[in-house]
């Protein structure tokens, strides 16, 4: 199972460079974790163009199983992405599931810590 979302208004060039030749993508794929739930691998940027789709993708697993998201391929995360993760965490929690994040790059891990998400989400920097 997978999802590939083009990001409106972004490019493969550095932010602010003005070059819009190649749109960035958020790619989401899923694999089962031997009886322990689902592993979602996220690759790309999570921002206002992709955050809602990420939240919807994560809550599709309404079978009470746990959801782990591998963030090792995430290159950007803004406040809308953090909000989407929080919303998915809350909804999965109401269904008896947990949302865990693993493989978080150090910069994003620090962002989660500053925002207090390390007190809310299950975070693991190791892949």
N, C-alpha and C. Protein backbone atom coordinates (compact mmCIF):
# COMPACT_ATOMS: atom_id res chain seq x y z
N UNK A 1 0.84 -1.15 0.00
CA UNK A 1 0.00 0.00 0.00
C UNK A 1 0.90 1.22 0.00
N UNK A 2 0.54 2.25 -0.76
CA UNK A 2 1.36 3.43 -0.80
C UNK A 2 0.61 4.64 -1.32
N UNK A 3 1.20 5.80 -1.11
CA UNK A 3 0.63 7.06 -1.53
C UNK A 3 1.77 7.97 -1.93
N UNK A 4 1.61 8.65 -3.05
CA UNK A 4 2.64 9.58 -3.53
C UNK A 4 1.94 10.89 -3.83
N UNK A 5 2.30 11.94 -3.10
CA UNK A 5 1.64 13.23 -3.23
C UNK A 5 2.57 14.29 -3.77
N UNK A 6 2.23 14.94 -4.88
CA UNK A 6 3.05 16.09 -5.30
C UNK A 6 2.76 17.25 -4.39
N UNK A 7 3.75 18.06 -4.12
CA UNK A 7 3.56 19.22 -3.27
C UNK A 7 3.40 20.45 -4.14
N UNK A 8 2.30 21.13 -3.94
CA UNK A 8 2.04 22.35 -4.69
C UNK A 8 3.02 23.43 -4.28
N UNK A 9 3.63 24.05 -5.26
CA UNK A 9 4.47 25.21 -5.01
C UNK A 9 5.85 24.91 -4.45
N UNK A 10 6.26 23.64 -4.39
CA UNK A 10 7.61 23.37 -3.91
C UNK A 10 8.44 22.81 -5.04
N UNK A 11 9.73 22.75 -4.82
CA UNK A 11 10.61 22.27 -5.87
C UNK A 11 11.75 21.49 -5.26
N UNK A 12 12.52 20.81 -6.12
CA UNK A 12 13.67 20.06 -5.62
C UNK A 12 14.84 21.00 -5.32
N UNK A 13 14.74 22.23 -5.78
CA UNK A 13 15.76 23.22 -5.48
C UNK A 13 15.60 23.68 -4.04
N UNK A 14 16.66 24.23 -3.45
CA UNK A 14 16.54 24.73 -2.08
C UNK A 14 15.42 25.74 -1.96
N UNK A 15 14.76 25.75 -0.79
CA UNK A 15 13.66 26.69 -0.55
C UNK A 15 14.14 28.12 -0.78
N UNK A 16 13.33 28.88 -1.51
CA UNK A 16 13.64 30.28 -1.73
C UNK A 16 14.53 30.52 -2.94
N UNK A 17 14.92 29.48 -3.67
CA UNK A 17 15.83 29.68 -4.79
C UNK A 17 15.11 30.18 -6.04
N UNK A 18 13.77 30.04 -6.06
CA UNK A 18 13.01 30.51 -7.20
C UNK A 18 12.91 29.49 -8.33
N UNK A 19 13.68 28.41 -8.29
CA UNK A 19 13.63 27.38 -9.32
C UNK A 19 12.50 26.41 -9.00
N UNK A 20 11.55 26.26 -9.93
CA UNK A 20 10.42 25.37 -9.70
C UNK A 20 10.39 24.25 -10.72
N UNK A 21 11.54 23.74 -11.09
CA UNK A 21 11.61 22.75 -12.15
C UNK A 21 11.03 21.39 -11.78
N UNK A 22 11.24 20.91 -10.56
CA UNK A 22 10.84 19.56 -10.21
C UNK A 22 10.12 19.55 -8.88
N UNK A 23 8.82 19.19 -8.85
CA UNK A 23 8.11 19.20 -7.58
C UNK A 23 8.59 18.09 -6.64
N UNK A 24 8.67 18.43 -5.34
CA UNK A 24 8.98 17.44 -4.31
C UNK A 24 7.75 16.59 -4.07
N UNK A 25 7.95 15.43 -3.52
CA UNK A 25 6.86 14.52 -3.23
C UNK A 25 6.91 14.08 -1.77
N UNK A 26 5.77 13.67 -1.27
CA UNK A 26 5.72 12.93 -0.02
C UNK A 26 5.27 11.54 -0.42
N UNK A 27 6.11 10.59 -0.15
CA UNK A 27 5.80 9.20 -0.50
C UNK A 27 5.57 8.43 0.78
N UNK A 28 4.43 7.76 0.87
CA UNK A 28 4.07 6.96 2.03
C UNK A 28 3.86 5.51 1.58
N UNK A 29 4.55 4.59 2.24
CA UNK A 29 4.37 3.18 1.96
C UNK A 29 4.13 2.46 3.28
N UNK A 30 3.50 1.31 3.21
CA UNK A 30 3.15 0.56 4.41
C UNK A 30 3.58 -0.89 4.30
N UNK A 31 4.05 -1.42 5.41
CA UNK A 31 4.36 -2.85 5.53
C UNK A 31 3.83 -3.32 6.87
N UNK A 32 3.44 -4.57 6.93
CA UNK A 32 2.99 -5.15 8.20
C UNK A 32 4.20 -5.46 9.06
N UNK A 33 4.04 -5.26 10.36
CA UNK A 33 5.08 -5.64 11.32
C UNK A 33 4.57 -6.90 12.01
N UNK A 34 5.17 -8.02 11.72
CA UNK A 34 4.79 -9.33 12.25
C UNK A 34 3.88 -9.30 13.47
N UNK A 35 2.60 -9.17 13.24
CA UNK A 35 1.62 -9.21 14.31
C UNK A 35 1.64 -8.02 15.25
N UNK A 36 2.48 -7.03 14.98
CA UNK A 36 2.61 -5.89 15.90
C UNK A 36 2.07 -4.60 15.30
N UNK A 37 1.44 -4.65 14.16
CA UNK A 37 0.87 -3.44 13.59
C UNK A 37 1.39 -3.13 12.21
N UNK A 38 1.50 -1.84 11.94
CA UNK A 38 1.85 -1.37 10.61
C UNK A 38 3.06 -0.44 10.68
N UNK A 39 3.95 -0.57 9.70
CA UNK A 39 5.08 0.34 9.57
C UNK A 39 4.84 1.20 8.34
N UNK A 40 4.72 2.51 8.55
CA UNK A 40 4.54 3.47 7.47
C UNK A 40 5.87 4.17 7.28
N UNK A 41 6.39 4.14 6.06
CA UNK A 41 7.62 4.83 5.75
C UNK A 41 7.27 6.12 5.02
N UNK A 42 7.75 7.24 5.54
CA UNK A 42 7.50 8.55 4.94
C UNK A 42 8.81 9.07 4.35
N UNK A 43 8.73 9.51 3.09
CA UNK A 43 9.90 10.06 2.41
C UNK A 43 9.49 11.37 1.76
N UNK A 44 10.21 12.45 2.07
CA UNK A 44 9.93 13.75 1.47
C UNK A 44 9.59 14.79 2.51
N UNK A 45 8.82 15.78 2.10
CA UNK A 45 8.47 16.92 2.94
C UNK A 45 7.05 16.81 3.45
N UNK A 46 6.87 17.16 4.72
CA UNK A 46 5.53 17.19 5.31
C UNK A 46 5.24 18.64 5.65
N UNK A 47 4.33 19.23 4.86
CA UNK A 47 3.99 20.64 5.04
C UNK A 47 2.51 20.83 4.77
N UNK A 48 2.08 22.07 4.58
CA UNK A 48 0.66 22.35 4.40
C UNK A 48 0.06 21.62 3.20
N UNK A 49 0.86 21.32 2.20
CA UNK A 49 0.35 20.64 1.01
C UNK A 49 0.13 19.15 1.22
N UNK A 50 0.79 18.55 2.22
CA UNK A 50 0.72 17.10 2.39
C UNK A 50 0.26 16.65 3.78
N UNK A 51 0.19 17.56 4.74
CA UNK A 51 -0.09 17.18 6.13
C UNK A 51 -1.44 16.49 6.31
N UNK A 52 -2.49 17.03 5.71
CA UNK A 52 -3.82 16.44 5.88
C UNK A 52 -3.86 15.02 5.31
N UNK A 53 -3.23 14.82 4.17
CA UNK A 53 -3.21 13.49 3.57
C UNK A 53 -2.42 12.52 4.45
N UNK A 54 -1.35 13.00 5.10
CA UNK A 54 -0.59 12.16 6.02
C UNK A 54 -1.48 11.71 7.17
N UNK A 55 -2.21 12.64 7.77
CA UNK A 55 -3.10 12.29 8.89
C UNK A 55 -4.14 11.27 8.46
N UNK A 56 -4.76 11.49 7.31
CA UNK A 56 -5.76 10.55 6.81
C UNK A 56 -5.15 9.18 6.54
N UNK A 57 -3.95 9.17 6.01
CA UNK A 57 -3.27 7.91 5.71
C UNK A 57 -3.01 7.14 7.01
N UNK A 58 -2.58 7.84 8.05
CA UNK A 58 -2.24 7.16 9.30
C UNK A 58 -3.46 6.60 10.02
N UNK A 59 -4.59 7.27 9.95
CA UNK A 59 -5.76 6.79 10.69
C UNK A 59 -6.57 5.74 9.92
N UNK A 60 -6.14 5.39 8.72
CA UNK A 60 -6.86 4.35 7.99
C UNK A 60 -6.72 2.99 8.68
N UNK A 61 -5.73 2.85 9.54
CA UNK A 61 -5.50 1.59 10.24
C UNK A 61 -6.36 1.59 11.50
N UNK A 62 -7.64 1.29 11.33
CA UNK A 62 -8.60 1.37 12.42
C UNK A 62 -8.90 0.00 13.03
N UNK A 63 -7.95 -0.93 12.89
CA UNK A 63 -8.15 -2.28 13.39
C UNK A 63 -7.59 -2.47 14.81
N UNK A 64 -7.24 -1.39 15.49
CA UNK A 64 -6.72 -1.49 16.84
C UNK A 64 -5.24 -1.83 16.91
N UNK A 65 -4.60 -1.94 15.76
CA UNK A 65 -3.17 -2.25 15.75
C UNK A 65 -2.35 -0.97 15.84
N UNK A 66 -1.12 -1.11 16.27
CA UNK A 66 -0.23 0.04 16.43
C UNK A 66 0.34 0.47 15.08
N UNK A 67 0.64 1.76 14.98
CA UNK A 67 1.18 2.34 13.76
C UNK A 67 2.52 2.99 14.10
N UNK A 68 3.56 2.57 13.38
CA UNK A 68 4.89 3.15 13.53
C UNK A 68 5.24 3.85 12.24
N UNK A 69 5.71 5.09 12.33
CA UNK A 69 6.09 5.86 11.15
C UNK A 69 7.61 6.01 11.16
N UNK A 70 8.24 5.59 10.07
CA UNK A 70 9.68 5.75 9.90
C UNK A 70 9.92 7.11 9.26
N UNK A 71 10.58 8.00 10.02
CA UNK A 71 10.82 9.37 9.57
C UNK A 71 12.23 9.55 9.00
N UNK A 72 12.98 8.48 8.82
CA UNK A 72 14.38 8.62 8.37
C UNK A 72 14.49 9.28 7.00
N UNK A 73 13.42 9.26 6.20
CA UNK A 73 13.44 9.88 4.89
C UNK A 73 12.73 11.22 4.82
N UNK A 74 12.31 11.75 5.97
CA UNK A 74 11.61 13.04 5.99
C UNK A 74 12.65 14.16 6.00
N UNK A 75 12.52 15.06 5.05
CA UNK A 75 13.50 16.14 4.89
C UNK A 75 13.00 17.49 5.40
N UNK A 76 11.69 17.61 5.67
CA UNK A 76 11.12 18.87 6.13
C UNK A 76 9.83 18.58 6.86
N UNK A 77 9.59 19.31 7.94
CA UNK A 77 8.36 19.18 8.71
C UNK A 77 8.01 20.55 9.25
N UNK A 78 6.79 21.01 8.98
CA UNK A 78 6.37 22.30 9.54
C UNK A 78 5.26 22.08 10.56
N UNK A 79 4.70 23.18 11.06
CA UNK A 79 3.68 23.10 12.11
C UNK A 79 2.44 22.33 11.65
N UNK A 80 2.09 22.43 10.38
CA UNK A 80 0.92 21.68 9.90
C UNK A 80 1.19 20.18 9.93
N UNK A 81 2.43 19.79 9.67
CA UNK A 81 2.79 18.38 9.77
C UNK A 81 2.75 17.89 11.21
N UNK A 82 3.21 18.72 12.13
CA UNK A 82 3.16 18.36 13.55
C UNK A 82 1.71 18.25 14.02
N UNK A 83 0.86 19.16 13.54
CA UNK A 83 -0.56 19.10 13.89
C UNK A 83 -1.18 17.81 13.35
N UNK A 84 -0.83 17.44 12.13
CA UNK A 84 -1.36 16.21 11.54
C UNK A 84 -0.95 14.98 12.36
N UNK A 85 0.30 14.95 12.81
CA UNK A 85 0.75 13.84 13.65
C UNK A 85 0.00 13.80 14.97
N UNK A 86 -0.21 14.97 15.57
CA UNK A 86 -0.94 15.02 16.83
C UNK A 86 -2.38 14.55 16.65
N UNK A 87 -3.03 14.99 15.57
CA UNK A 87 -4.41 14.58 15.30
C UNK A 87 -4.50 13.08 15.07
N UNK A 88 -3.56 12.53 14.31
CA UNK A 88 -3.54 11.08 14.06
C UNK A 88 -3.30 10.32 15.36
N UNK A 89 -2.39 10.83 16.18
CA UNK A 89 -2.10 10.22 17.48
C UNK A 89 -3.37 10.15 18.34
N UNK A 90 -4.10 11.26 18.40
CA UNK A 90 -5.32 11.31 19.21
C UNK A 90 -6.38 10.35 18.68
N UNK A 91 -6.57 10.35 17.38
CA UNK A 91 -7.60 9.48 16.79
C UNK A 91 -7.24 8.00 16.95
N UNK A 92 -5.99 7.66 16.72
CA UNK A 92 -5.57 6.27 16.90
C UNK A 92 -5.70 5.86 18.37
N UNK A 93 -5.39 6.78 19.27
CA UNK A 93 -5.53 6.49 20.69
C UNK A 93 -6.96 6.17 21.08
N UNK A 94 -7.91 6.88 20.49
CA UNK A 94 -9.33 6.60 20.77
C UNK A 94 -9.73 5.24 20.25
N UNK A 95 -9.00 4.71 19.28
CA UNK A 95 -9.28 3.38 18.71
C UNK A 95 -8.49 2.29 19.41
N UNK A 96 -7.72 2.67 20.45
CA UNK A 96 -6.94 1.68 21.18
C UNK A 96 -5.58 1.40 20.56
N UNK A 97 -5.14 2.22 19.64
CA UNK A 97 -3.85 2.05 18.97
C UNK A 97 -2.86 3.09 19.46
N UNK A 98 -1.59 2.87 19.19
CA UNK A 98 -0.58 3.88 19.48
C UNK A 98 0.11 4.28 18.19
N UNK A 99 0.57 5.53 18.17
CA UNK A 99 1.35 6.05 17.05
C UNK A 99 2.77 6.26 17.56
N UNK A 100 3.72 5.65 16.89
CA UNK A 100 5.13 5.81 17.23
C UNK A 100 5.88 6.35 16.04
N UNK A 101 6.90 7.15 16.32
CA UNK A 101 7.76 7.70 15.28
C UNK A 101 9.16 7.15 15.52
N UNK A 102 9.78 6.61 14.47
CA UNK A 102 11.15 6.10 14.60
C UNK A 102 12.00 6.65 13.46
N UNK A 103 13.31 6.54 13.64
CA UNK A 103 14.23 7.00 12.60
C UNK A 103 14.20 8.50 12.41
N UNK A 104 13.86 9.23 13.45
CA UNK A 104 13.73 10.67 13.35
C UNK A 104 15.11 11.32 13.22
N UNK A 105 15.34 12.08 12.15
CA UNK A 105 16.62 12.79 12.03
C UNK A 105 16.82 13.73 13.23
N UNK A 106 18.07 13.95 13.65
CA UNK A 106 18.35 14.75 14.84
C UNK A 106 17.68 16.12 14.86
N UNK A 107 17.66 16.82 13.75
CA UNK A 107 17.05 18.15 13.72
C UNK A 107 15.54 18.06 13.98
N UNK A 108 14.88 17.07 13.38
CA UNK A 108 13.44 16.92 13.61
C UNK A 108 13.17 16.43 15.03
N UNK A 109 14.05 15.57 15.55
CA UNK A 109 13.90 15.11 16.93
C UNK A 109 13.98 16.30 17.88
N UNK A 110 14.92 17.21 17.63
CA UNK A 110 15.04 18.40 18.45
C UNK A 110 13.79 19.26 18.35
N UNK A 111 13.23 19.39 17.16
CA UNK A 111 11.99 20.14 16.97
C UNK A 111 10.87 19.52 17.80
N UNK A 112 10.75 18.19 17.77
CA UNK A 112 9.73 17.50 18.57
C UNK A 112 9.93 17.78 20.06
N UNK A 113 11.18 17.79 20.50
CA UNK A 113 11.48 18.03 21.91
C UNK A 113 11.12 19.46 22.31
N UNK A 114 11.47 20.43 21.49
CA UNK A 114 11.15 21.83 21.78
C UNK A 114 9.65 22.04 21.86
N UNK A 115 8.90 21.38 20.97
CA UNK A 115 7.44 21.53 20.94
C UNK A 115 6.75 20.68 22.01
N UNK A 116 7.49 19.84 22.71
CA UNK A 116 6.90 18.99 23.74
C UNK A 116 6.30 17.71 23.21
N UNK A 117 6.52 17.42 21.93
CA UNK A 117 5.96 16.20 21.35
C UNK A 117 6.62 14.94 21.90
N UNK A 118 7.81 15.07 22.44
CA UNK A 118 8.47 13.91 23.04
C UNK A 118 7.72 13.46 24.29
N UNK A 119 6.85 14.31 24.83
CA UNK A 119 6.02 13.97 25.98
C UNK A 119 4.66 13.39 25.55
N UNK A 120 4.35 13.51 24.27
CA UNK A 120 3.04 13.07 23.76
C UNK A 120 3.18 11.84 22.87
N UNK A 121 4.07 11.92 21.89
CA UNK A 121 4.26 10.82 20.94
C UNK A 121 5.37 9.88 21.42
N UNK A 122 5.31 8.66 20.97
CA UNK A 122 6.40 7.71 21.22
C UNK A 122 7.46 7.95 20.17
N UNK A 123 8.59 8.54 20.59
CA UNK A 123 9.66 8.89 19.66
C UNK A 123 10.87 8.00 19.89
N UNK A 124 11.45 7.56 18.79
CA UNK A 124 12.67 6.77 18.84
C UNK A 124 13.56 7.25 17.70
N UNK A 125 14.71 7.80 18.02
CA UNK A 125 15.60 8.33 16.99
C UNK A 125 16.24 7.22 16.18
N UNK A 126 16.33 6.03 16.74
CA UNK A 126 16.98 4.91 16.04
C UNK A 126 16.03 4.26 15.05
N UNK A 127 16.61 3.81 13.93
CA UNK A 127 15.83 3.09 12.94
C UNK A 127 15.85 1.67 13.26
